Amino acid sequence: MSPPLVAVLAALALGEPAAPPPPSSGALKRAAETAGRASVRVLGSGTAPGVLVGADGQVLTLVGLVHGSAALVELGNARRTARVVERLPSLGLVLLAIDGDGPFPAPAARLDAPATGEWVVGLGDDGRSPRLGRVIQGASGPWFEVSLRLPPGTPVLDGQARLVGVVTERRRSSSRVAALGSVRARLGQAP
């Protein structure tokens, strides 16, 4: 018997729900490619990752990075100005809008937070290396936690290459992620 089948049978025998299987290698590759296209570098009071969240050039990044009303965004080989649309200090994020026309390859969005045990994909420190991990704590308020140590400001995608959140804090052996649905719910409500 294959190891995954043994785990499923053991879980059923104990009456526990079976853990979802990891995404296929093709799904993992699609998620990693999507995350790579959606990742940008934001230059403000320092440099940090950001993620495209809208086809019109909206970017989420760390609120502490942008002190004025604008920042620069590196998209591919070009630097573009981006203005602050809204600050979300309770989430540690700021929404920017890149000036000019696209294309802006924002990924599809998933607004429900992933459940504990669900597989997710993030990008390593180089912004290109895909990392496969799991949700280790489901939504608690606006955040969930993943088993990956990812740079703050980077995207987290599900196994279908849909954006589910943005990393807000790298912890000792995990990352805290602002759920995309929580971000959307707070837009327009920030003080």
Protein backbone atom coordinates (compact mmCIF):
# COMPACT_ATOMS: atom_id res chain seq x y z
CA MET A 1 0.00 0.00 0.00
CA SER A 2 1.19 3.52 -0.74
CA PRO A 3 2.06 5.70 2.30
CA PRO A 4 -0.74 8.26 1.61
CA LEU A 5 -3.32 5.45 1.39
CA VAL A 6 -2.05 3.97 4.67
CA ALA A 7 -2.44 7.39 6.37
CA VAL A 8 -5.99 7.77 5.05
CA LEU A 9 -6.96 4.26 6.20
CA ALA A 10 -5.39 4.86 9.62
CA ALA A 11 -7.26 8.15 10.02
CA LEU A 12 -10.54 6.50 9.05
CA ALA A 13 -9.94 3.67 11.52
CA LEU A 14 -9.42 6.25 14.29
CA GLY A 15 -12.45 8.25 13.22
CA GLU A 16 -10.34 11.29 12.34
CA PRO A 17 -10.73 13.24 9.12
CA ALA A 18 -8.04 12.41 6.61
CA ALA A 19 -5.52 15.15 5.91
CA PRO A 20 -5.85 16.57 2.41
CA PRO A 21 -3.23 15.33 -0.03
CA PRO A 22 -0.58 17.81 -1.14
CA PRO A 23 -1.15 19.56 -4.45
CA SER A 24 0.10 17.74 -7.52
CA SER A 25 3.46 18.81 -8.90
CA GLY A 26 1.63 20.57 -11.76
CA ALA A 27 -0.60 22.48 -9.32
CA LEU A 28 2.42 23.39 -7.21
CA LYS A 29 4.23 24.66 -10.30
CA ARG A 30 1.21 26.77 -11.36
CA ALA A 31 0.89 28.25 -7.87
CA ALA A 32 4.62 29.07 -7.74
CA GLU A 33 4.52 30.70 -11.20
CA THR A 34 1.45 32.72 -10.23
CA ALA A 35 3.08 33.87 -7.00
CA GLY A 36 6.23 34.86 -8.89
CA ARG A 37 4.30 36.95 -11.43
CA ALA A 38 2.26 38.64 -8.67
CA SER A 39 5.28 39.49 -6.49
CA VAL A 40 6.81 42.94 -6.69
CA ARG A 41 9.46 44.87 -4.75
CA VAL A 42 8.37 48.07 -3.03
CA LEU A 43 10.87 50.83 -2.33
CA GLY A 44 9.85 53.21 0.43
CA SER A 45 11.74 53.82 3.66
CA GLY A 46 13.43 50.51 2.83
CA THR A 47 12.79 47.67 0.41
CA ALA A 48 10.30 44.86 0.94
CA PRO A 49 8.11 42.52 -1.09
CA GLY A 50 4.59 43.34 -2.10
CA VAL A 51 1.90 41.48 -4.01
CA LEU A 52 -0.34 42.54 -6.88
CA VAL A 53 -3.96 42.19 -5.78
CA GLY A 54 -5.80 43.92 -8.60
CA ALA A 55 -5.67 43.96 -12.39
CA ASP A 56 -5.55 47.79 -12.22
CA GLY A 57 -2.19 47.71 -10.43
CA GLN A 58 -3.18 47.54 -6.76
CA VAL A 59 -0.41 46.29 -4.48
CA LEU A 60 -0.46 45.21 -0.83
CA THR A 61 2.74 45.70 1.16
CA LEU A 62 3.87 46.46 4.71
CA VAL A 63 2.46 49.67 6.20
CA GLY A 64 5.76 50.57 7.90
CA LEU A 65 7.52 50.67 4.55
CA VAL A 66 5.55 53.61 3.13
CA HIS A 67 5.68 56.77 5.26
CA GLY A 68 4.57 59.35 2.70
CA SER A 69 1.85 59.30 0.09
CA ALA A 70 3.80 57.35 -2.56
CA ALA A 71 6.45 54.69 -3.13
CA LEU A 72 8.26 53.06 -6.02
CA VAL A 73 7.29 49.59 -7.19
CA GLU A 74 9.65 47.33 -9.15
CA LEU A 75 7.56 45.36 -11.58
CA GLY A 76 9.71 43.19 -13.81
CA ASN A 77 12.63 45.36 -14.89
CA ALA A 78 10.77 48.67 -14.54
CA ARG A 79 10.30 51.02 -11.59
CA ARG A 80 6.91 52.68 -11.38
CA THR A 81 5.47 55.18 -8.93
CA ALA A 82 2.56 54.07 -6.80
CA ARG A 83 0.32 56.21 -4.61
CA VAL A 84 -1.14 55.22 -1.26
CA VAL A 85 -4.81 54.31 -1.59
CA GLU A 86 -5.45 53.20 1.97
CA ARG A 87 -3.52 52.30 5.10
CA LEU A 88 -4.64 49.28 7.11
CA PRO A 89 -2.57 49.67 10.31
CA SER A 90 -4.56 47.05 12.23
CA LEU A 91 -3.33 44.50 9.66
CA GLY A 92 0.12 46.02 9.16
CA LEU A 93 -0.57 46.60 5.46
CA VAL A 94 -0.96 49.45 3.00
CA LEU A 95 -2.75 49.36 -0.37
CA LEU A 96 -0.94 51.11 -3.21
CA ALA A 97 -2.01 51.81 -6.80
CA ILE A 98 0.66 51.73 -9.51
CA ASP A 99 0.53 54.73 -11.86
CA GLY A 100 0.01 54.00 -15.56
CA ASP A 101 -1.23 51.06 -17.55
CA GLY A 102 -0.50 47.37 -17.04
CA PRO A 103 -0.44 44.54 -17.62
CA PHE A 104 -0.65 43.76 -13.91
CA PRO A 105 -0.73 39.96 -13.46
CA ALA A 106 -2.75 39.78 -10.24
CA PRO A 107 -3.71 36.24 -9.26
CA ALA A 108 -7.26 35.04 -8.74
CA ALA A 109 -8.42 35.73 -5.19
CA ARG A 110 -9.88 33.41 -2.60
CA LEU A 111 -11.70 35.33 0.12
CA ASP A 112 -12.42 32.48 2.55
CA ALA A 113 -9.45 31.73 4.80
CA PRO A 114 -7.83 28.32 4.39
CA ALA A 115 -8.54 25.73 7.05
CA THR A 116 -6.05 24.16 9.43
CA GLY A 117 -4.16 21.40 7.61
CA GLU A 118 -4.73 22.86 4.14
CA TRP A 119 -1.71 23.04 1.82
CA VAL A 120 -0.41 26.46 0.79
CA VAL A 121 2.41 27.80 -1.37
CA GLY A 122 4.69 30.74 -0.57
CA LEU A 123 7.92 32.17 -1.96
CA GLY A 124 11.30 32.05 -0.23
CA ASP A 125 13.61 34.97 0.48
CA ASP A 126 14.81 35.12 -3.13
CA GLY A 127 11.23 35.79 -4.29
CA ARG A 128 11.36 32.86 -6.72
CA SER A 129 11.77 29.58 -4.83
CA PRO A 130 8.38 28.00 -4.12
CA ARG A 131 7.82 26.61 -0.66
CA LEU A 132 5.05 24.14 0.15
CA GLY A 133 3.61 24.23 3.64
CA ARG A 134 0.43 23.85 5.62
CA VAL A 135 -1.92 26.05 7.54
CA ILE A 136 -1.07 25.26 11.17
CA GLN A 137 -3.68 27.57 12.68
CA GLY A 138 -6.85 28.46 10.83
CA ALA A 139 -8.37 31.92 10.85
CA SER A 140 -8.16 33.61 14.21
CA GLY A 141 -9.56 37.05 13.61
CA PRO A 142 -8.02 38.39 10.42
CA TRP A 143 -4.97 36.08 10.49
CA PHE A 144 -3.99 32.50 9.93
CA GLU A 145 -0.61 30.87 10.47
CA VAL A 146 1.42 28.74 8.06
CA SER A 147 4.28 26.31 8.64
CA LEU A 148 6.63 28.32 6.41
CA ARG A 149 9.06 31.11 7.34
CA LEU A 150 8.29 33.61 4.59
CA PRO A 151 9.35 37.23 4.12
CA PRO A 152 6.73 39.76 5.28
CA GLY A 153 4.89 41.23 2.30
CA THR A 154 4.96 38.03 0.21
CA PRO A 155 1.87 36.25 -1.14
CA VAL A 156 0.44 32.96 0.11
CA LEU A 157 -1.58 30.93 -2.41
CA ASP A 158 -3.72 27.82 -2.13
CA GLY A 159 -3.26 24.64 -4.18
CA GLN A 160 -5.36 26.11 -7.00
CA ALA A 161 -3.02 29.13 -7.35
CA ARG A 162 -5.51 31.53 -5.73
CA LEU A 163 -4.20 34.28 -3.46
CA VAL A 164 -5.39 33.66 0.11
CA GLY A 165 -3.27 36.15 2.04
CA VAL A 166 -0.19 38.29 2.56
CA VAL A 167 2.52 37.52 5.12
CA THR A 168 2.63 40.17 7.86
CA GLU A 169 5.09 38.58 10.28
CA ARG A 170 7.85 35.97 10.08
CA ARG A 171 8.05 33.97 13.29
CA ARG A 172 10.61 31.49 14.56
CA SER A 173 9.24 28.53 12.59
CA SER A 174 6.13 29.92 10.90
CA SER A 175 4.54 33.03 9.40
CA ARG A 176 1.44 35.01 10.32
CA VAL A 177 -0.68 35.81 7.28
CA ALA A 178 -3.42 38.43 6.86
CA ALA A 179 -6.31 36.63 5.19
CA LEU A 180 -7.31 38.27 1.91
CA GLY A 181 -10.99 38.25 2.90
CA SER A 182 -10.15 40.19 6.08
CA VAL A 183 -8.14 42.72 4.08
CA ARG A 184 -11.02 43.24 1.69
CA ALA A 185 -13.52 43.59 4.55
CA ARG A 186 -11.41 46.34 6.14
CA LEU A 187 -10.83 48.37 2.98
CA GLY A 188 -12.92 51.51 3.17
CA GLN A 189 -13.35 51.07 6.94
CA ALA A 190 -9.85 52.06 8.10
CA PRO A 191 -9.73 55.20 10.28
